């Protein structure tokens, strides 16, 4: 009798597992479902083990004119610019033009006294204590506006003691790149990243207000125009396509931009005095899982949301750029897509 029960339990378990596999949606079905439900208007690129699983665009670049999205349509990528800014700093380090543990005041003049002990590494890892201007300052802002605002602020904590995300810190990094390179961030990133990698649609949108033909226009979930208008760089300020970002992903995996030691440093988490690790390396959120290292970044501002998720060991990449911002539930989508990729 016990043997019969055991066999029945085993058979029911096999049947249950097979049903789960049959019920599991494919990657494309999940993408189509989110679009059909009005939650995803944008571009999706998903690669697993060097095999393209999904590369598509869904919806409109401009709801008002009903101009359809194309694969060449640039989106504002928001904070996905931070890994690119971090790479800019790392390229300068490779040329021995700076060190991660240099103090910021070595490169930026007229810093208030409270900022003079902060290091480049602390800015990169969001452990500097520099207060975040976002959700405080309003209007169309430039890096100069943020620097002026910083003069009368104070540190949120002793540098190196904890993690606190700061857009302001990445503006300071942009200013360091400009000081060391002797050129604008826009020119530096073009000459050292986008042009060498043939990221043909990547544009740094700064005070020069470069023309970006056929770009995506930002909207809310209710299709009210909510386009990008800022002029800050370093923390954001970049337009790109999913193909551009995939070229960056491949370059980082294959050592085409960074030396081996910098690739390792990029994904190394800071250690706090209590022995705990911070969540953020040099431009990436990092998770050390038993299945391998996961690095990712999200972005969101005005009518744009973005996702750049990379499984380094299993060579899987998920890139999503949207221009109907608050309609897109980033993490729900990511969880469902990851489920489709489990073999």
C-alpha atoms as a PDB file:
ATOM      1  CA  UNK A   1       0.000   0.000   0.000  1.00  0.00           C
ATOM      2  CA  UNK A   2       2.795   2.420   0.937  1.00  0.00           C
ATOM      3  CA  UNK A   3       4.562   1.612  -2.358  1.00  0.00           C
ATOM      4  CA  UNK A   4       1.363   2.328  -4.324  1.00  0.00           C
ATOM      5  CA  UNK A   5       0.958   5.711  -2.579  1.00  0.00           C
ATOM      6  CA  UNK A   6       4.583   6.576  -3.311  1.00  0.00           C
ATOM      7  CA  UNK A   7       4.133   5.730  -6.994  1.00  0.00           C
ATOM      8  CA  UNK A   8       0.951   7.807  -7.189  1.00  0.00           C
ATOM      9  CA  UNK A   9       2.697  10.752  -5.550  1.00  0.00           C
ATOM     10  CA  UNK A  10       5.599  10.455  -7.980  1.00  0.00           C
ATOM     11  CA  UNK A  11       3.271  10.317 -10.993  1.00  0.00           C
ATOM     12  CA  UNK A  12       1.262  13.307  -9.767  1.00  0.00           C
ATOM     13  CA  UNK A  13       4.500  15.246  -9.214  1.00  0.00           C
ATOM     14  CA  UNK A  14       5.664  14.483 -12.761  1.00  0.00           C
ATOM     15  CA  UNK A  15       2.242  15.459 -14.141  1.00  0.00           C
ATOM     16  CA  UNK A  16       2.253  18.711 -12.121  1.00  0.00           C
ATOM     17  CA  UNK A  17       5.749  19.656 -13.326  1.00  0.00           C
ATOM     18  CA  UNK A  18       4.879  18.866 -16.943  1.00  0.00           C
ATOM     19  CA  UNK A  19       1.731  20.975 -16.651  1.00  0.00           C
ATOM     20  CA  UNK A  20       3.786  23.871 -15.302  1.00  0.00           C
ATOM     21  CA  UNK A  21       6.109  23.601 -18.293  1.00  0.00           C
ATOM     22  CA  UNK A  22       3.162  23.501 -20.689  1.00  0.00           C
ATOM     23  CA  UNK A  23       1.579  26.520 -18.978  1.00  0.00           C
ATOM     24  CA  UNK A  24       4.763  28.590 -19.017  1.00  0.00           C
ATOM     25  CA  UNK A  25       4.587  31.472 -21.489  1.00  0.00           C
ATOM     26  CA  UNK A  26       7.293  32.027 -24.045  1.00  0.00           C
ATOM     27  CA  UNK A  27       9.383  35.185 -23.961  1.00  0.00           C
ATOM     28  CA  UNK A  28       7.583  36.604 -26.972  1.00  0.00           C
ATOM     29  CA  UNK A  29       4.195  35.842 -25.429  1.00  0.00           C
ATOM     30  CA  UNK A  30       5.101  37.804 -22.293  1.00  0.00           C
ATOM     31  CA  UNK A  31       6.298  40.756 -24.369  1.00  0.00           C
ATOM     32  CA  UNK A  32       3.151  40.703 -26.502  1.00  0.00           C
ATOM     33  CA  UNK A  33       0.943  40.407 -23.403  1.00  0.00           C
ATOM     34  CA  UNK A  34       2.469  43.496 -21.786  1.00  0.00           C
ATOM     35  CA  UNK A  35       2.013  45.442 -25.010  1.00  0.00           C
ATOM     36  CA  UNK A  36      -1.583  44.278 -25.467  1.00  0.00           C
ATOM     37  CA  UNK A  37      -2.392  45.290 -21.880  1.00  0.00           C
ATOM     38  CA  UNK A  38      -1.053  48.802 -22.528  1.00  0.00           C
ATOM     39  CA  UNK A  39       1.920  48.319 -20.193  1.00  0.00           C
ATOM     40  CA  UNK A  40       4.712  48.252 -22.762  1.00  0.00           C
ATOM     41  CA  UNK A  41       5.256  50.739 -25.549  1.00  0.00           C
ATOM     42  CA  UNK A  42       8.876  50.483 -26.579  1.00  0.00           C
ATOM     43  CA  UNK A  43      11.786  48.302 -27.656  1.00  0.00           C
ATOM     44  CA  UNK A  44      12.849  44.929 -26.267  1.00  0.00           C
ATOM     45  CA  UNK A  45      16.059  43.000 -26.945  1.00  0.00           C
ATOM     46  CA  UNK A  46      16.734  39.696 -25.179  1.00  0.00           C
ATOM     47  CA  UNK A  47      19.717  37.417 -25.786  1.00  0.00           C
ATOM     48  CA  UNK A  48      20.503  34.075 -24.171  1.00  0.00           C
ATOM     49  CA  UNK A  49      23.780  32.227 -24.777  1.00  0.00           C
ATOM     50  CA  UNK A  50      24.538  34.434 -27.791  1.00  0.00           C
ATOM     51  CA  UNK A  51      21.187  33.489 -29.318  1.00  0.00           C
ATOM     52  CA  UNK A  52      18.703  36.278 -30.040  1.00  0.00           C
ATOM     53  CA  UNK A  53      15.482  35.414 -28.210  1.00  0.00           C
ATOM     54  CA  UNK A  54      13.600  38.648 -28.895  1.00  0.00           C
ATOM     55  CA  UNK A  55      14.415  41.834 -30.801  1.00  0.00           C
ATOM     56  CA  UNK A  56      11.329  43.904 -31.404  1.00  0.00           C
ATOM     57  CA  UNK A  57       9.623  47.290 -31.141  1.00  0.00           C
ATOM     58  CA  UNK A  58       5.980  47.706 -30.185  1.00  0.00           C
ATOM     59  CA  UNK A  59       3.837  50.820 -30.407  1.00  0.00           C
ATOM     60  CA  UNK A  60       4.418  54.469 -31.211  1.00  0.00           C
ATOM     61  CA  UNK A  61       7.411  56.782 -31.073  1.00  0.00           C
ATOM     62  CA  UNK A  62       4.893  59.631 -30.924  1.00  0.00           C
ATOM     63  CA  UNK A  63       1.306  58.964 -29.869  1.00  0.00           C
ATOM     64  CA  UNK A  64       0.051  62.319 -31.171  1.00  0.00           C
ATOM     65  CA  UNK A  65       1.173  61.792 -34.754  1.00  0.00           C
ATOM     66  CA  UNK A  66       0.974  57.977 -34.447  1.00  0.00           C
ATOM     67  CA  UNK A  67       4.507  57.708 -35.789  1.00  0.00           C
ATOM     68  CA  UNK A  68       5.431  54.067 -35.236  1.00  0.00           C
ATOM     69  CA  UNK A  69       8.515  52.947 -33.374  1.00  0.00           C
ATOM     70  CA  UNK A  70      11.388  51.534 -35.401  1.00  0.00           C
ATOM     71  CA  UNK A  71      14.478  49.645 -34.280  1.00  0.00           C
ATOM     72  CA  UNK A  72      16.526  52.754 -35.059  1.00  0.00           C
ATOM     73  CA  UNK A  73      14.364  54.979 -32.826  1.00  0.00           C
ATOM     74  CA  UNK A  74      16.486  56.464 -29.997  1.00  0.00           C
ATOM     75  CA  UNK A  75      14.959  56.524 -26.507  1.00  0.00           C
ATOM     76  CA  UNK A  76      16.039  58.608 -23.552  1.00  0.00           C
ATOM     77  CA  UNK A  77      17.722  55.966 -21.366  1.00  0.00           C
ATOM     78  CA  UNK A  78      17.774  57.945 -18.075  1.00  0.00           C
ATOM     79  CA  UNK A  79      20.058  56.355 -15.467  1.00  0.00           C
ATOM     80  CA  UNK A  80      21.376  53.741 -17.886  1.00  0.00           C
ATOM     81  CA  UNK A  81      23.774  56.595 -18.641  1.00  0.00           C
ATOM     82  CA  UNK A  82      25.515  55.954 -15.299  1.00  0.00           C
ATOM     83  CA  UNK A  83      27.323  52.777 -16.403  1.00  0.00           C
ATOM     84  CA  UNK A  84      28.517  54.703 -19.470  1.00  0.00           C
ATOM     85  CA  UNK A  85      29.794  57.593 -17.330  1.00  0.00           C
ATOM     86  CA  UNK A  86      31.538  55.078 -15.065  1.00  0.00           C
ATOM     87  CA  UNK A  87      33.201  53.480 -18.085  1.00  0.00           C
ATOM     88  CA  UNK A  88      34.424  56.950 -19.098  1.00  0.00           C
ATOM     89  CA  UNK A  89      36.140  57.330 -15.718  1.00  0.00           C
ATOM     90  CA  UNK A  90      37.621  53.836 -16.020  1.00  0.00           C
ATOM     91  CA  UNK A  91      39.056  54.600 -19.454  1.00  0.00           C
ATOM     92  CA  UNK A  92      40.847  57.605 -17.967  1.00  0.00           C
ATOM     93  CA  UNK A  93      42.151  55.417 -15.145  1.00  0.00           C
ATOM     94  CA  UNK A  94      43.521  52.959 -17.698  1.00  0.00           C
ATOM     95  CA  UNK A  95      45.480  55.818 -19.257  1.00  0.00           C
ATOM     96  CA  UNK A  96      46.788  56.648 -15.772  1.00  0.00           C
ATOM     97  CA  UNK A  97      45.223  60.109 -15.942  1.00  0.00           C
ATOM     98  CA  UNK A  98      43.454  59.626 -12.615  1.00  0.00           C
ATOM     99  CA  UNK A  99      43.097  57.199  -9.726  1.00  0.00           C
ATOM    100  CA  UNK A 100      39.846  55.966  -8.190  1.00  0.00           C
ATOM    101  CA  UNK A 101      40.996  57.055  -4.755  1.00  0.00           C
ATOM    102  CA  UNK A 102      41.898  60.592  -5.835  1.00  0.00           C
ATOM    103  CA  UNK A 103      39.985  63.294  -4.048  1.00  0.00           C
ATOM    104  CA  UNK A 104      37.415  65.075  -6.164  1.00  0.00           C
ATOM    105  CA  UNK A 105      38.785  68.555  -5.414  1.00  0.00           C
ATOM    106  CA  UNK A 106      41.914  67.629  -7.381  1.00  0.00           C
ATOM    107  CA  UNK A 107      39.846  67.938 -10.551  1.00  0.00           C
ATOM    108  CA  UNK A 108      36.934  70.282  -9.761  1.00  0.00           C
ATOM    109  CA  UNK A 109      37.649  73.847  -8.698  1.00  0.00           C
ATOM    110  CA  UNK A 110      35.554  75.857  -6.254  1.00  0.00           C
ATOM    111  CA  UNK A 111      34.097  72.890  -4.417  1.00  0.00           C
ATOM    112  CA  UNK A 112      32.580  73.750  -1.040  1.00  0.00           C
ATOM    113  CA  UNK A 113      34.743  72.588   1.874  1.00  0.00           C
ATOM    114  CA  UNK A 114      32.399  69.757   2.853  1.00  0.00           C
ATOM    115  CA  UNK A 115      33.053  67.991  -0.489  1.00  0.00           C
ATOM    116  CA  UNK A 116      36.830  68.173  -0.536  1.00  0.00           C
ATOM    117  CA  UNK A 117      37.543  64.796   1.096  1.00  0.00           C
ATOM    118  CA  UNK A 118      35.277  62.767  -1.193  1.00  0.00           C
ATOM    119  CA  UNK A 119      36.964  60.335  -3.606  1.00  0.00           C
ATOM    120  CA  UNK A 120      36.125  59.351  -7.170  1.00  0.00           C
ATOM    121  CA  UNK A 121      35.488  55.768  -6.033  1.00  0.00           C
ATOM    122  CA  UNK A 122      32.902  56.968  -3.503  1.00  0.00           C
ATOM    123  CA  UNK A 123      31.072  58.884  -6.222  1.00  0.00           C
ATOM    124  CA  UNK A 124      31.067  55.815  -8.475  1.00  0.00           C
ATOM    125  CA  UNK A 125      29.674  53.518  -5.764  1.00  0.00           C
ATOM    126  CA  UNK A 126      27.151  56.005  -4.307  1.00  0.00           C
ATOM    127  CA  UNK A 127      28.936  55.973  -0.967  1.00  0.00           C
ATOM    128  CA  UNK A 128      29.993  59.642  -0.966  1.00  0.00           C
ATOM    129  CA  UNK A 129      27.154  61.099   1.095  1.00  0.00           C
ATOM    130  CA  UNK A 130      26.537  63.785  -1.557  1.00  0.00           C
ATOM    131  CA  UNK A 131      22.875  64.786  -1.480  1.00  0.00           C
ATOM    132  CA  UNK A 132      20.705  64.029  -4.499  1.00  0.00           C
ATOM    133  CA  UNK A 133      19.299  67.003  -6.402  1.00  0.00           C
ATOM    134  CA  UNK A 134      16.541  64.983  -8.077  1.00  0.00           C
ATOM    135  CA  UNK A 135      13.068  65.646  -6.650  1.00  0.00           C
ATOM    136  CA  UNK A 136      14.479  68.840  -5.075  1.00  0.00           C
ATOM    137  CA  UNK A 137      15.385  71.085  -7.999  1.00  0.00           C
ATOM    138  CA  UNK A 138      12.802  71.864 -10.672  1.00  0.00           C
ATOM    139  CA  UNK A 139      12.790  73.346 -14.144  1.00  0.00           C
ATOM    140  CA  UNK A 140      15.232  72.727 -16.975  1.00  0.00           C
ATOM    141  CA  UNK A 141      18.548  72.072 -15.259  1.00  0.00           C
ATOM    142  CA  UNK A 142      22.206  72.073 -16.297  1.00  0.00           C
ATOM    143  CA  UNK A 143      25.235  70.704 -14.480  1.00  0.00           C
ATOM    144  CA  UNK A 144      26.093  74.274 -13.507  1.00  0.00           C
ATOM    145  CA  UNK A 145      22.701  74.666 -11.831  1.00  0.00           C
ATOM    146  CA  UNK A 146      23.309  71.533  -9.762  1.00  0.00           C
ATOM    147  CA  UNK A 147      26.813  72.684  -8.795  1.00  0.00           C
ATOM    148  CA  UNK A 148      25.446  76.047  -7.683  1.00  0.00           C
ATOM    149  CA  UNK A 149      22.825  74.283  -5.552  1.00  0.00           C
ATOM    150  CA  UNK A 150      25.512  72.089  -3.969  1.00  0.00           C
ATOM    151  CA  UNK A 151      27.297  75.112  -2.519  1.00  0.00           C
ATOM    152  CA  UNK A 152      24.752  75.452   0.285  1.00  0.00           C
ATOM    153  CA  UNK A 153      24.113  71.781   1.009  1.00  0.00           C
ATOM    154  CA  UNK A 154      25.845  69.343   3.359  1.00  0.00           C
ATOM    155  CA  UNK A 155      26.826  65.682   3.370  1.00  0.00           C
ATOM    156  CA  UNK A 156      24.135  63.157   4.254  1.00  0.00           C
ATOM    157  CA  UNK A 157      26.663  60.938   6.062  1.00  0.00           C
ATOM    158  CA  UNK A 158      30.405  60.419   6.487  1.00  0.00           C
ATOM    159  CA  UNK A 159      31.814  59.308   3.101  1.00  0.00           C
ATOM    160  CA  UNK A 160      32.409  55.571   2.830  1.00  0.00           C
ATOM    161  CA  UNK A 161      30.107  54.655   5.711  1.00  0.00           C
ATOM    162  CA  UNK A 162      26.966  53.646   3.795  1.00  0.00           C
ATOM    163  CA  UNK A 163      25.167  53.575   0.436  1.00  0.00           C
ATOM    164  CA  UNK A 164      22.797  56.267  -0.795  1.00  0.00           C
ATOM    165  CA  UNK A 165      21.983  56.703  -4.471  1.00  0.00           C
ATOM    166  CA  UNK A 166      22.986  60.145  -5.738  1.00  0.00           C
ATOM    167  CA  UNK A 167      22.434  61.535  -9.225  1.00  0.00           C
ATOM    168  CA  UNK A 168      24.500  64.519  -8.127  1.00  0.00           C
ATOM    169  CA  UNK A 169      27.537  62.293  -7.664  1.00  0.00           C
ATOM    170  CA  UNK A 170      27.458  61.264 -11.316  1.00  0.00           C
ATOM    171  CA  UNK A 171      27.266  64.884 -12.429  1.00  0.00           C
ATOM    172  CA  UNK A 172      30.501  65.417 -10.486  1.00  0.00           C
ATOM    173  CA  UNK A 173      31.985  62.451 -12.359  1.00  0.00           C
ATOM    174  CA  UNK A 174      31.003  64.052 -15.675  1.00  0.00           C
ATOM    175  CA  UNK A 175      32.814  67.243 -14.646  1.00  0.00           C
ATOM    176  CA  UNK A 176      35.905  65.201 -13.756  1.00  0.00           C
ATOM    177  CA  UNK A 177      35.891  63.549 -17.189  1.00  0.00           C
ATOM    178  CA  UNK A 178      35.663  66.967 -18.828  1.00  0.00           C
ATOM    179  CA  UNK A 179      38.480  68.382 -16.720  1.00  0.00           C
ATOM    180  CA  UNK A 180      40.860  65.474 -17.299  1.00  0.00           C
ATOM    181  CA  UNK A 181      40.079  64.951 -20.997  1.00  0.00           C
ATOM    182  CA  UNK A 182      39.966  68.650 -21.851  1.00  0.00           C
ATOM    183  CA  UNK A 183      36.776  68.186 -23.840  1.00  0.00           C
ATOM    184  CA  UNK A 184      33.023  67.956 -23.263  1.00  0.00           C
ATOM    185  CA  UNK A 185      31.513  64.761 -21.899  1.00  0.00           C
ATOM    186  CA  UNK A 186      29.587  64.464 -25.162  1.00  0.00           C
ATOM    187  CA  UNK A 187      32.747  64.525 -27.273  1.00  0.00           C
ATOM    188  CA  UNK A 188      34.661  62.234 -24.910  1.00  0.00           C
ATOM    189  CA  UNK A 189      31.969  59.547 -24.878  1.00  0.00           C
ATOM    190  CA  UNK A 190      31.569  59.740 -28.643  1.00  0.00           C
ATOM    191  CA  UNK A 191      35.300  59.422 -29.321  1.00  0.00           C
ATOM    192  CA  UNK A 192      35.968  56.695 -26.759  1.00  0.00           C
ATOM    193  CA  UNK A 193      32.776  54.635 -26.575  1.00  0.00           C
ATOM    194  CA  UNK A 194      29.992  55.174 -29.092  1.00  0.00           C
ATOM    195  CA  UNK A 195      32.092  55.650 -32.235  1.00  0.00           C
ATOM    196  CA  UNK A 196      34.556  52.787 -31.606  1.00  0.00           C
ATOM    197  CA  UNK A 197      31.672  50.422 -30.812  1.00  0.00           C
ATOM    198  CA  UNK A 198      29.542  51.726 -33.696  1.00  0.00           C
ATOM    199  CA  UNK A 199      26.724  52.675 -31.341  1.00  0.00           C
ATOM    200  CA  UNK A 200      25.218  54.590 -34.241  1.00  0.00           C
ATOM    201  CA  UNK A 201      22.207  56.090 -32.489  1.00  0.00           C
ATOM    202  CA  UNK A 202      23.700  57.022 -29.114  1.00  0.00           C
ATOM    203  CA  UNK A 203      23.563  60.773 -28.500  1.00  0.00           C
ATOM    204  CA  UNK A 204      24.603  62.739 -25.410  1.00  0.00           C
ATOM    205  CA  UNK A 205      21.971  65.440 -24.999  1.00  0.00           C
ATOM    206  CA  UNK A 206      23.631  68.425 -23.316  1.00  0.00           C
ATOM    207  CA  UNK A 207      23.510  72.223 -23.414  1.00  0.00           C
ATOM    208  CA  UNK A 208      24.294  72.197 -27.130  1.00  0.00           C
ATOM    209  CA  UNK A 209      20.845  70.619 -27.629  1.00  0.00           C
ATOM    210  CA  UNK A 210      21.872  68.323 -30.490  1.00  0.00           C
ATOM    211  CA  UNK A 211      19.220  67.348 -32.992  1.00  0.00           C
ATOM    212  CA  UNK A 212      18.032  63.754 -32.562  1.00  0.00           C
ATOM    213  CA  UNK A 213      16.024  62.839 -35.668  1.00  0.00           C
ATOM    214  CA  UNK A 214      13.033  60.572 -35.167  1.00  0.00           C
ATOM    215  CA  UNK A 215      13.595  60.151 -31.426  1.00  0.00           C
ATOM    216  CA  UNK A 216      10.903  58.689 -29.191  1.00  0.00           C
ATOM    217  CA  UNK A 217       8.690  61.231 -27.409  1.00  0.00           C
ATOM    218  CA  UNK A 218       7.873  60.564 -23.759  1.00  0.00           C
ATOM    219  CA  UNK A 219       4.286  60.049 -22.556  1.00  0.00           C
ATOM    220  CA  UNK A 220       2.411  58.971 -19.448  1.00  0.00           C
ATOM    221  CA  UNK A 221       0.286  55.828 -19.271  1.00  0.00           C
ATOM    222  CA  UNK A 222      -2.682  58.073 -20.109  1.00  0.00           C
ATOM    223  CA  UNK A 223      -0.880  59.211 -23.290  1.00  0.00           C
ATOM    224  CA  UNK A 224      -0.235  62.718 -21.975  1.00  0.00           C
ATOM    225  CA  UNK A 225       3.025  64.103 -23.340  1.00  0.00           C
ATOM    226  CA  UNK A 226       5.805  63.977 -20.723  1.00  0.00           C
ATOM    227  CA  UNK A 227       8.977  64.395 -22.730  1.00  0.00           C
ATOM    228  CA  UNK A 228      12.571  64.734 -21.493  1.00  0.00           C
ATOM    229  CA  UNK A 229      13.691  68.365 -21.077  1.00  0.00           C
ATOM    230  CA  UNK A 230      16.784  68.351 -18.835  1.00  0.00           C
ATOM    231  CA  UNK A 231      20.328  69.346 -19.838  1.00  0.00           C
ATOM    232  CA  UNK A 232      22.292  67.600 -17.093  1.00  0.00           C
ATOM    233  CA  UNK A 233      24.860  64.967 -18.075  1.00  0.00           C
ATOM    234  CA  UNK A 234      26.678  62.174 -16.295  1.00  0.00           C
ATOM    235  CA  UNK A 235      23.655  60.976 -14.354  1.00  0.00           C
ATOM    236  CA  UNK A 236      21.504  60.823 -17.484  1.00  0.00           C
ATOM    237  CA  UNK A 237      21.320  62.846 -20.662  1.00  0.00           C
ATOM    238  CA  UNK A 238      21.775  60.034 -23.199  1.00  0.00           C
ATOM    239  CA  UNK A 239      19.553  58.751 -26.007  1.00  0.00           C
ATOM    240  CA  UNK A 240      20.210  55.303 -27.475  1.00  0.00           C
ATOM    241  CA  UNK A 241      18.626  52.193 -28.973  1.00  0.00           C
ATOM    242  CA  UNK A 242      18.531  48.645 -27.619  1.00  0.00           C
ATOM    243  CA  UNK A 243      21.044  47.688 -30.327  1.00  0.00           C
ATOM    244  CA  UNK A 244      23.447  50.380 -29.080  1.00  0.00           C
ATOM    245  CA  UNK A 245      23.275  49.013 -25.555  1.00  0.00           C
ATOM    246  CA  UNK A 246      23.698  45.435 -26.744  1.00  0.00           C
ATOM    247  CA  UNK A 247      26.915  46.474 -28.512  1.00  0.00           C
ATOM    248  CA  UNK A 248      28.094  47.920 -25.199  1.00  0.00           C
ATOM    249  CA  UNK A 249      27.136  44.699 -23.416  1.00  0.00           C
ATOM    250  CA  UNK A 250      29.182  42.601 -25.847  1.00  0.00           C
ATOM    251  CA  UNK A 251      32.155  44.959 -25.657  1.00  0.00           C
ATOM    252  CA  UNK A 252      32.235  44.674 -21.850  1.00  0.00           C
ATOM    253  CA  UNK A 253      31.957  40.883 -21.976  1.00  0.00           C
ATOM    254  CA  UNK A 254      34.724  40.581 -24.565  1.00  0.00           C
ATOM    255  CA  UNK A 255      37.195  43.083 -23.112  1.00  0.00           C
ATOM    256  CA  UNK A 256      36.960  45.497 -26.029  1.00  0.00           C
ATOM    257  CA  UNK A 257      36.777  48.611 -23.844  1.00  0.00           C
ATOM    258  CA  UNK A 258      38.200  47.818 -20.441  1.00  0.00           C
ATOM    259  CA  UNK A 259      41.278  45.943 -19.321  1.00  0.00           C
ATOM    260  CA  UNK A 260      40.741  42.764 -17.288  1.00  0.00           C
ATOM    261  CA  UNK A 261      41.577  44.425 -13.966  1.00  0.00           C
ATOM    262  CA  UNK A 262      39.052  47.186 -14.585  1.00  0.00           C
ATOM    263  CA  UNK A 263      36.379  44.730 -15.639  1.00  0.00           C
ATOM    264  CA  UNK A 264      36.849  43.021 -12.264  1.00  0.00           C
ATOM    265  CA  UNK A 265      36.878  46.336 -10.378  1.00  0.00           C
ATOM    266  CA  UNK A 266      33.693  47.438 -12.137  1.00  0.00           C
ATOM    267  CA  UNK A 267      31.698  44.629 -10.507  1.00  0.00           C
ATOM    268  CA  UNK A 268      33.412  44.724  -7.104  1.00  0.00           C
ATOM    269  CA  UNK A 269      31.174  45.889  -4.260  1.00  0.00           C
ATOM    270  CA  UNK A 270      32.359  48.379  -1.615  1.00  0.00           C
ATOM    271  CA  UNK A 271      32.909  47.106   1.924  1.00  0.00           C
ATOM    272  CA  UNK A 272      31.616  49.240   4.808  1.00  0.00           C
ATOM    273  CA  UNK A 273      33.314  49.509   8.231  1.00  0.00           C
ATOM    274  CA  UNK A 274      30.841  46.997   9.697  1.00  0.00           C
ATOM    275  CA  UNK A 275      31.904  44.433   7.091  1.00  0.00           C
ATOM    276  CA  UNK A 276      28.693  44.619   5.054  1.00  0.00           C
ATOM    277  CA  UNK A 277      28.769  45.099   1.288  1.00  0.00           C
ATOM    278  CA  UNK A 278      27.138  47.927  -0.606  1.00  0.00           C
ATOM    279  CA  UNK A 279      24.813  46.995  -3.495  1.00  0.00           C
ATOM    280  CA  UNK A 280      26.505  49.069  -6.198  1.00  0.00           C
ATOM    281  CA  UNK A 281      29.850  48.633  -7.961  1.00  0.00           C
ATOM    282  CA  UNK A 282      31.263  51.073 -10.507  1.00  0.00           C
ATOM    283  CA  UNK A 283      28.118  51.983 -12.438  1.00  0.00           C
ATOM    284  CA  UNK A 284      26.156  48.771 -11.811  1.00  0.00           C
ATOM    285  CA  UNK A 285      23.953  47.166  -9.198  1.00  0.00           C
ATOM    286  CA  UNK A 286      25.601  43.804  -8.506  1.00  0.00           C
ATOM    287  CA  UNK A 287      24.214  40.524  -7.137  1.00  0.00           C
ATOM    288  CA  UNK A 288      26.516  37.603  -6.416  1.00  0.00           C
ATOM    289  CA  UNK A 289      24.272  34.559  -6.791  1.00  0.00           C
ATOM    290  CA  UNK A 290      25.133  30.862  -6.617  1.00  0.00           C
ATOM    291  CA  UNK A 291      24.376  30.720 -10.344  1.00  0.00           C
ATOM    292  CA  UNK A 292      26.803  33.554 -11.104  1.00  0.00           C
ATOM    293  CA  UNK A 293      27.097  37.315 -11.052  1.00  0.00           C
ATOM    294  CA  UNK A 294      24.125  39.461 -12.083  1.00  0.00           C
ATOM    295  CA  UNK A 295      24.652  43.141 -12.908  1.00  0.00           C
ATOM    296  CA  UNK A 296      21.903  45.543 -13.840  1.00  0.00           C
ATOM    297  CA  UNK A 297      20.632  49.094 -13.975  1.00  0.00           C
ATOM    298  CA  UNK A 298      17.243  50.680 -14.407  1.00  0.00           C
ATOM    299  CA  UNK A 299      16.323  54.193 -15.376  1.00  0.00           C
ATOM    300  CA  UNK A 300      13.294  56.431 -15.228  1.00  0.00           C
ATOM    301  CA  UNK A 301      12.528  60.084 -15.798  1.00  0.00           C
ATOM    302  CA  UNK A 302       9.576  61.913 -17.356  1.00  0.00           C
ATOM    303  CA  UNK A 303       7.871  59.537 -19.808  1.00  0.00           C
ATOM    304  CA  UNK A 304      10.738  57.065 -20.062  1.00  0.00           C
ATOM    305  CA  UNK A 305      11.641  53.820 -18.281  1.00  0.00           C
ATOM    306  CA  UNK A 306      14.588  51.576 -19.074  1.00  0.00           C
ATOM    307  CA  UNK A 307      16.133  48.267 -18.036  1.00  0.00           C
ATOM    308  CA  UNK A 308      19.584  46.774 -18.639  1.00  0.00           C
ATOM    309  CA  UNK A 309      19.952  43.325 -17.000  1.00  0.00           C
ATOM    310  CA  UNK A 310      23.008  41.124 -17.544  1.00  0.00           C
ATOM    311  CA  UNK A 311      23.731  37.579 -16.348  1.00  0.00           C
ATOM    312  CA  UNK A 312      27.508  37.471 -16.764  1.00  0.00           C
ATOM    313  CA  UNK A 313      28.060  33.743 -16.279  1.00  0.00           C
ATOM    314  CA  UNK A 314      25.186  32.533 -18.422  1.00  0.00           C
ATOM    315  CA  UNK A 315      25.620  35.191 -21.103  1.00  0.00           C
ATOM    316  CA  UNK A 316      22.057  36.461 -20.932  1.00  0.00           C
ATOM    317  CA  UNK A 317      21.027  40.068 -21.546  1.00  0.00           C
ATOM    318  CA  UNK A 318      17.665  41.799 -21.204  1.00  0.00           C
ATOM    319  CA  UNK A 319      17.327  45.362 -22.512  1.00  0.00           C
ATOM    320  CA  UNK A 320      14.050  47.319 -22.503  1.00  0.00           C
ATOM    321  CA  UNK A 321      13.497  50.964 -23.455  1.00  0.00           C
ATOM    322  CA  UNK A 322      10.033  52.518 -23.165  1.00  0.00           C
ATOM    323  CA  UNK A 323       8.468  55.904 -23.806  1.00  0.00           C
ATOM    324  CA  UNK A 324       5.199  55.467 -21.926  1.00  0.00           C
ATOM    325  CA  UNK A 325       6.922  55.640 -18.585  1.00  0.00           C
ATOM    326  CA  UNK A 326       4.589  54.985 -15.698  1.00  0.00           C
ATOM    327  CA  UNK A 327       2.660  52.338 -17.655  1.00  0.00           C
ATOM    328  CA  UNK A 328       5.612  49.950 -17.509  1.00  0.00           C
ATOM    329  CA  UNK A 329       6.084  47.826 -14.342  1.00  0.00           C
ATOM    330  CA  UNK A 330       9.823  47.242 -14.734  1.00  0.00           C
ATOM    331  CA  UNK A 331      10.428  44.597 -12.092  1.00  0.00           C
ATOM    332  CA  UNK A 332       7.256  42.597 -12.753  1.00  0.00           C
ATOM    333  CA  UNK A 333       8.215  42.421 -16.410  1.00  0.00           C
ATOM    334  CA  UNK A 334      11.769  41.391 -15.562  1.00  0.00           C
ATOM    335  CA  UNK A 335      10.593  38.591 -13.268  1.00  0.00           C
ATOM    336  CA  UNK A 336       8.244  37.192 -15.910  1.00  0.00           C
ATOM    337  CA  UNK A 337      10.867  37.349 -18.636  1.00  0.00           C
ATOM    338  CA  UNK A 338      13.455  35.595 -16.459  1.00  0.00           C
ATOM    339  CA  UNK A 339      10.936  32.816 -15.832  1.00  0.00           C
ATOM    340  CA  UNK A 340      10.633  32.215 -19.596  1.00  0.00           C
ATOM    341  CA  UNK A 341      14.410  31.868 -19.893  1.00  0.00           C
ATOM    342  CA  UNK A 342      14.701  29.097 -17.298  1.00  0.00           C
ATOM    343  CA  UNK A 343      15.422  25.800 -18.995  1.00  0.00           C
END
